[in-house]
Protein backbone atom coordinates (compact mmCIF):
# COMPACT_ATOMS: atom_id res chain seq x y z
CA MET A 1 -27.24 -25.37 41.14
CA ILE A 2 -30.31 -27.86 40.63
CA ARG A 3 -29.63 -29.42 37.09
CA LEU A 4 -32.08 -31.67 35.18
CA THR A 5 -30.41 -33.62 32.34
CA LYS A 6 -32.32 -34.29 28.66
CA GLU A 7 -32.92 -37.74 29.70
CA HIS A 8 -35.49 -36.40 31.61
CA ARG A 9 -38.08 -35.64 28.50
CA VAL A 10 -41.50 -35.53 27.63
CA PHE A 11 -43.30 -35.68 24.17
CA ALA A 12 -46.51 -34.12 25.45
CA PHE A 13 -47.75 -31.66 28.03
CA SER A 14 -49.93 -33.73 30.30
CA ALA A 15 -51.64 -32.97 34.01
CA GLU A 16 -51.11 -36.83 34.51
CA ALA A 17 -47.25 -36.76 33.77
CA VAL A 18 -44.98 -37.60 36.85
CA PRO A 19 -42.73 -35.24 37.54
CA SER A 20 -38.87 -35.36 36.92
CA LEU A 21 -38.17 -32.53 39.45
CA ARG A 22 -40.17 -30.74 42.31
CA ILE A 23 -39.10 -27.28 43.23
CA ALA A 24 -40.20 -24.46 45.60
CA GLY A 25 -41.17 -21.28 43.69
CA GLY A 26 -38.22 -18.73 43.04
CA THR A 27 -35.80 -21.47 42.19
CA THR A 28 -32.97 -21.19 39.60
CA LEU A 29 -32.13 -24.46 37.74
CA GLU A 30 -30.26 -25.48 34.95
CA LEU A 31 -32.12 -28.00 32.24
CA GLU A 32 -30.26 -29.59 29.47
CA THR A 33 -32.13 -30.18 26.24
CA ALA A 34 -31.80 -32.49 22.90
CA ASP A 35 -32.61 -30.62 19.67
CA CYS A 36 -35.79 -30.97 18.00
CA PHE A 37 -35.01 -34.09 16.28
CA ASP A 38 -33.89 -35.52 19.88
CA ASP A 39 -30.03 -35.62 18.80
CA GLN A 40 -30.74 -38.34 15.84
CA VAL A 41 -28.99 -35.93 13.21
CA GLN A 42 -25.51 -35.45 14.14
CA TRP A 43 -23.52 -36.06 10.86
CA PRO A 44 -23.80 -35.28 7.02
CA GLY A 45 -24.94 -38.55 6.30
CA ASP A 46 -27.41 -39.20 8.69
CA VAL A 47 -30.55 -38.51 6.73
CA LEU A 48 -34.07 -37.59 7.75
CA ALA A 49 -35.68 -40.94 6.45
CA GLU A 50 -34.12 -42.32 9.08
CA VAL A 51 -35.30 -40.46 12.25
CA ASP A 52 -38.08 -41.47 14.36
CA TRP A 53 -40.37 -39.13 13.99
CA ASP A 54 -42.31 -39.99 17.06
CA ARG A 55 -39.32 -38.61 19.24
CA ILE A 56 -39.91 -34.94 17.56
CA ASN A 57 -39.24 -31.73 19.85
CA PRO A 58 -38.52 -33.47 23.17
CA ALA A 59 -39.00 -31.26 26.13
CA THR A 60 -36.98 -31.76 29.56
CA GLY A 61 -39.17 -32.02 32.42
CA PRO A 62 -41.84 -31.86 33.66
CA VAL A 63 -40.91 -29.42 36.80
CA TYR A 64 -43.25 -29.28 39.39
CA VAL A 65 -43.33 -25.97 41.06
CA GLU A 66 -44.50 -26.16 44.72
CA GLY A 67 -47.54 -23.89 45.30
CA ALA A 68 -48.61 -23.12 41.67
CA GLY A 69 -52.34 -23.81 41.01
CA PRO A 70 -54.62 -23.26 38.53
CA GLY A 71 -55.42 -19.43 37.97
CA ASP A 72 -51.82 -18.70 39.29
CA VAL A 73 -48.98 -17.63 36.85
CA LEU A 74 -45.92 -19.18 36.46
CA SER A 75 -43.05 -16.43 35.72
CA VAL A 76 -39.80 -17.80 33.86
CA LEU A 77 -36.99 -15.63 33.97
CA ILE A 78 -34.50 -16.79 31.30
CA GLU A 79 -31.19 -16.30 32.63
CA ARG A 80 -29.12 -17.49 30.05
CA ILE A 81 -29.11 -20.12 26.97
CA ASP A 82 -25.88 -22.34 26.30
CA VAL A 83 -25.93 -24.03 23.18
CA GLY A 84 -23.89 -26.90 21.50
CA GLU A 85 -21.05 -26.64 18.88
CA GLN A 86 -23.38 -27.50 16.08
CA GLY A 87 -26.64 -27.25 14.75
CA VAL A 88 -28.60 -28.77 12.10
CA MET A 89 -31.43 -27.72 9.51
CA ALA A 90 -33.58 -29.49 7.19
CA VAL A 91 -36.07 -28.73 4.12
CA GLY A 92 -37.68 -31.02 2.03
CA PRO A 93 -41.44 -32.21 1.10
CA GLY A 94 -43.63 -31.34 4.33
CA PHE A 95 -40.99 -28.93 5.79
CA GLY A 96 -42.39 -25.10 5.84
CA VAL A 97 -43.59 -22.72 3.09
CA LEU A 98 -41.67 -23.76 -0.09
CA ALA A 99 -42.18 -27.79 0.40
CA ASP A 100 -43.41 -28.26 -2.95
CA GLY A 101 -40.11 -27.11 -4.49
CA PHE A 102 -38.11 -30.24 -2.91
CA GLU A 103 -38.12 -33.54 -4.43
CA GLU A 104 -36.42 -34.81 -1.29
CA GLN A 105 -35.53 -33.90 2.65
CA VAL A 106 -32.27 -32.70 3.16
CA SER A 107 -30.65 -31.89 6.53
CA ARG A 108 -27.26 -29.85 7.14
CA ILE A 109 -25.23 -29.91 9.83
CA VAL A 110 -24.08 -25.93 10.75
CA PRO A 111 -21.26 -25.65 12.83
CA ILE A 112 -21.61 -22.77 15.33
CA VAL A 113 -18.10 -20.59 15.40
CA ASP A 114 -16.91 -17.51 16.54
CA GLY A 115 -20.40 -16.31 17.66
CA ALA A 116 -22.25 -17.42 14.56
CA ALA A 117 -23.98 -20.17 12.61
CA GLN A 118 -21.88 -21.36 9.36
CA LEU A 119 -24.52 -22.18 6.95
CA ASP A 120 -22.19 -22.06 3.89
CA GLU A 121 -19.13 -20.47 2.78
CA GLY A 122 -19.76 -16.91 3.35
CA LEU A 123 -23.13 -17.28 4.93
CA ALA A 124 -22.66 -16.96 8.60
CA ILE A 125 -25.79 -16.06 10.65
CA PRO A 126 -24.94 -14.31 14.05
CA LEU A 127 -26.14 -16.09 17.15
CA ARG A 128 -29.41 -15.19 18.52
CA PRO A 129 -30.43 -18.29 21.31
CA MET A 130 -33.89 -18.69 21.84
CA ILE A 131 -36.56 -21.37 22.83
CA GLY A 132 -38.87 -22.92 20.55
CA VAL A 133 -40.70 -25.42 23.03
CA ILE A 134 -41.43 -24.11 26.53
CA GLY A 135 -44.93 -24.58 28.45
CA VAL A 136 -46.73 -25.97 31.16
CA ALA A 137 -49.25 -28.86 31.35
CA PRO A 138 -52.90 -27.98 30.04
CA ALA A 139 -55.84 -28.84 32.16
CA GLY A 140 -57.63 -31.13 29.47
CA ALA A 141 -55.93 -33.58 27.08
CA PRO A 142 -52.15 -33.78 26.23
CA VAL A 143 -51.01 -31.57 23.82
CA PRO A 144 -48.17 -32.87 21.92
CA THR A 145 -44.57 -30.98 22.14
CA ALA A 146 -44.74 -30.03 18.52
CA SER A 147 -47.84 -28.00 19.07
CA PRO A 148 -48.48 -24.47 20.33
CA GLY A 149 -51.38 -23.34 22.45
CA ALA A 150 -52.76 -21.38 25.65
CA HIS A 151 -50.16 -23.30 27.49
CA GLY A 152 -47.22 -22.15 25.48
CA GLY A 153 -45.54 -25.21 23.71
CA ASN A 154 -44.19 -25.19 20.59
CA MET A 155 -44.34 -21.05 20.38
CA ASP A 156 -41.47 -20.70 18.09
CA THR A 157 -41.17 -17.39 19.57
CA ARG A 158 -37.61 -15.81 18.90
CA LEU A 159 -38.24 -13.04 21.63
CA ILE A 160 -38.30 -15.95 23.93
CA GLY A 161 -34.44 -15.62 24.73
CA PRO A 162 -31.96 -14.90 27.88
CA GLY A 163 -33.14 -11.57 29.49
CA ALA A 164 -36.69 -12.07 28.83
CA VAL A 165 -39.68 -13.46 31.32
CA LEU A 166 -41.89 -15.67 29.93
CA TYR A 167 -45.62 -15.56 31.79
CA LEU A 168 -47.66 -18.69 31.58
CA PRO A 169 -51.38 -19.17 32.76
CA VAL A 170 -51.13 -22.33 35.22
CA ALA A 171 -53.97 -24.77 34.32
CA CYS A 172 -52.98 -27.89 36.93
CA SER A 173 -51.40 -28.29 40.26
CA GLY A 174 -47.49 -27.84 40.15
CA ALA A 175 -47.76 -26.48 36.62
CA LEU A 176 -45.64 -28.94 35.30
CA PHE A 177 -43.43 -27.23 33.28
CA ALA A 178 -40.94 -28.41 30.55
CA VAL A 179 -38.58 -26.39 28.02
CA GLY A 180 -36.71 -28.03 24.92
CA ASP A 181 -35.98 -27.00 20.74
CA LEU A 182 -33.75 -24.69 21.23
CA HIS A 183 -32.60 -22.88 18.41
CA ALA A 184 -28.99 -21.17 17.75
CA ALA A 185 -31.06 -18.60 15.39
CA MET A 186 -34.74 -18.42 13.86
CA GLY A 187 -36.13 -15.65 12.01
CA ASP A 188 -39.67 -15.04 12.54
CA GLY A 189 -41.98 -17.19 10.29
CA GLU A 190 -39.43 -20.08 10.75
CA ILE A 191 -40.61 -20.52 7.17
CA CYS A 192 -38.57 -23.85 6.07
CA GLY A 193 -40.14 -25.77 9.55
CA THR A 194 -36.67 -25.30 10.87
CA GLY A 195 -34.35 -22.75 12.52
CA VAL A 196 -30.79 -23.50 13.42
CA GLU A 197 -32.09 -26.19 15.71
CA VAL A 198 -29.19 -26.93 18.78
CA ALA A 199 -28.86 -29.04 21.70
CA GLY A 200 -27.75 -26.91 24.77
CA CYS A 201 -28.68 -25.87 28.21
CA VAL A 202 -31.14 -23.28 29.96
CA THR A 203 -30.88 -21.67 33.07
CA LEU A 204 -33.79 -20.07 34.39
CA ARG A 205 -35.77 -19.06 37.28
CA LEU A 206 -39.75 -20.37 38.34
CA ASP A 207 -41.75 -17.75 40.08
CA VAL A 208 -45.52 -18.07 41.00
CA ARG A 209 -47.72 -14.96 40.42
CA ARG A 210 -51.41 -14.77 41.67
CA ASP A 211 -51.42 -11.17 41.04
CA LEU A 212 -51.76 -11.43 37.61
CA GLU A 213 -54.60 -13.11 35.32
CA ILE A 214 -53.58 -13.71 31.39
CA ALA A 215 -55.71 -16.01 28.74
CA GLY A 216 -52.26 -16.90 27.15
CA PRO A 217 -48.37 -16.71 27.22
CA VAL A 218 -47.22 -13.25 27.54
CA VAL A 219 -43.49 -12.31 27.07
CA GLU A 220 -41.38 -9.24 28.52
CA THR A 221 -38.22 -8.08 27.39
CA PRO A 222 -36.02 -5.02 28.55
CA ASP A 223 -37.80 -3.08 25.91
CA LEU A 224 -41.38 -4.47 25.08
CA VAL A 225 -44.04 -6.65 26.13
CA ALA A 226 -45.84 -8.99 23.74
CA THR A 227 -49.21 -11.42 24.05
CA ILE A 228 -48.68 -14.57 21.98
CA ALA A 229 -51.33 -16.53 20.84
CA SER A 230 -52.10 -19.60 18.54
CA ALA A 231 -54.91 -20.75 16.28
CA GLU A 232 -55.64 -22.91 13.25
CA THR A 233 -54.88 -19.78 10.99
CA LEU A 234 -52.55 -16.98 11.46
CA ASP A 235 -55.80 -14.50 10.69
CA ALA A 236 -57.25 -16.14 14.13
CA ALA A 237 -53.85 -16.09 16.10
CA THR A 238 -53.29 -12.32 15.02
CA ASP A 239 -56.78 -11.65 16.47
CA ALA A 240 -56.32 -13.55 19.55
CA ALA A 241 -52.87 -12.07 20.28
CA THR A 242 -54.26 -8.18 19.51
CA ARG A 243 -57.35 -8.84 21.86
CA ASP A 244 -55.21 -10.62 24.63
CA MET A 245 -52.97 -7.23 24.54
CA THR A 246 -56.37 -4.65 24.68
CA ALA A 247 -57.19 -7.17 28.14
CA LEU A 248 -53.82 -6.13 29.68
CA LEU A 249 -53.99 -2.76 28.67
CA THR A 250 -57.35 -2.41 29.85
CA GLY A 251 -57.13 -4.70 32.82
CA ARG A 252 -53.56 -3.49 34.27
CA LEU A 253 -53.28 0.06 33.18
CA GLY A 254 -56.91 0.79 33.52
CA LEU A 255 -57.06 2.25 29.94
CA SER A 256 -60.17 3.04 28.18
CA LEU A 257 -60.81 0.36 25.02
CA GLU A 258 -60.75 3.52 22.76
CA VAL A 259 -57.53 4.50 24.00
CA ALA A 260 -56.17 1.43 24.52
CA THR A 261 -56.75 0.48 20.86
CA MET A 262 -55.61 3.63 19.68
CA LEU A 263 -52.07 2.99 21.61
CA MET A 264 -51.82 -0.14 19.79
CA SER A 265 -52.64 1.15 16.53
CA ALA A 266 -49.90 3.59 16.69
CA GLY A 267 -47.42 2.17 18.77
CA GLY A 268 -47.86 -1.56 18.24
CA GLU A 269 -46.64 -4.18 16.27
CA LEU A 270 -48.53 -7.08 15.28
CA GLN A 271 -45.69 -9.62 14.52
CA VAL A 272 -45.69 -13.43 12.83
CA SER A 273 -43.66 -15.87 15.20
CA GLN A 274 -44.35 -18.85 13.27
CA ILE A 275 -46.08 -20.39 10.45
CA VAL A 276 -45.03 -23.99 10.20
CA ASP A 277 -46.50 -25.95 13.44
CA PRO A 278 -49.97 -27.52 13.36
CA LEU A 279 -50.90 -24.32 14.82
CA ARG A 280 -50.08 -20.87 13.54
CA THR A 281 -48.42 -18.46 16.44
CA ALA A 282 -48.47 -14.56 16.12
CA ARG A 283 -47.95 -11.79 18.93
CA PHE A 284 -48.64 -8.44 19.61
CA ALA A 285 -45.54 -6.26 20.84
CA LEU A 286 -46.25 -2.87 22.31
CA PRO A 287 -42.91 -0.79 23.52
CA LYS A 288 -42.46 0.01 26.98
CA ALA A 289 -41.84 3.71 25.95
CA CYS A 290 -45.73 3.74 24.74
CA TYR A 291 -46.81 3.97 28.58
CA ALA A 292 -43.67 4.91 30.37
CA GLY A 293 -45.13 7.92 31.39
CA LEU A 294 -47.77 6.19 33.32
CA GLY A 295 -45.08 5.39 35.75
CA VAL A 296 -46.45 1.79 36.50
CA ASP A 297 -45.46 -1.54 35.12
CA LEU A 298 -47.79 -3.66 32.58
CA LEU A 299 -46.78 -7.00 34.36
């Protein structure tokens, strides 16, 4: 198994980045990751005021995928996510929707025991490992790993977990893929600015698709397909995610705009991924059962 440690990390997705690893399409590898604070908060006494904020949301990589180029799609099968023995959460001014209710920044170490994150006495959150930051290099200026976009990045979308396949539009030679910001658990919205942030290791397989055209990230689980979009406002993000799903249904399944729109309105779900990053992220999820009768795959 090819393995890349968390010492190989970046803080921006960039077409100019020097690859940490080169692989062929179809390769399975393990990527070790630091948590969103770059492992700077490890003990109850560690305070956020002493964190180096230039080291937020490190992503392990970049990985150069041979043969991937502009116009291709990188297929990322997430086979496994192993998380550490503890996570960290934080609240305070500048953190999330309720930031104005706090006078100081507070962090909490969250032990992970018996398949749950132990937030407090009697408060156990079932583990639901997922990836917060995952993406490829954009064609233009570098994008900080803390921000989401059409390249992926800090989408904080809880569907991106074990068993899912994430599809990313490739914008530069080799794709330059990177991953980080694992969560042992995170709710939709990530309203306080953190989930249960955790270090860990991701096992995944990278493939190159040339038979698929997408405008932004798309995630597939055994039960559904969801288009993901990020924008300055949640309204703009939901509009973009909806239009991206419409393009998939009309382009891949050959549905008319009228039928695709009705199908989405009756069977789809417009969902919020996160509302706390530099851009807001939404997704449009459509259960596969809605088009199973056609006998064809959407992706």
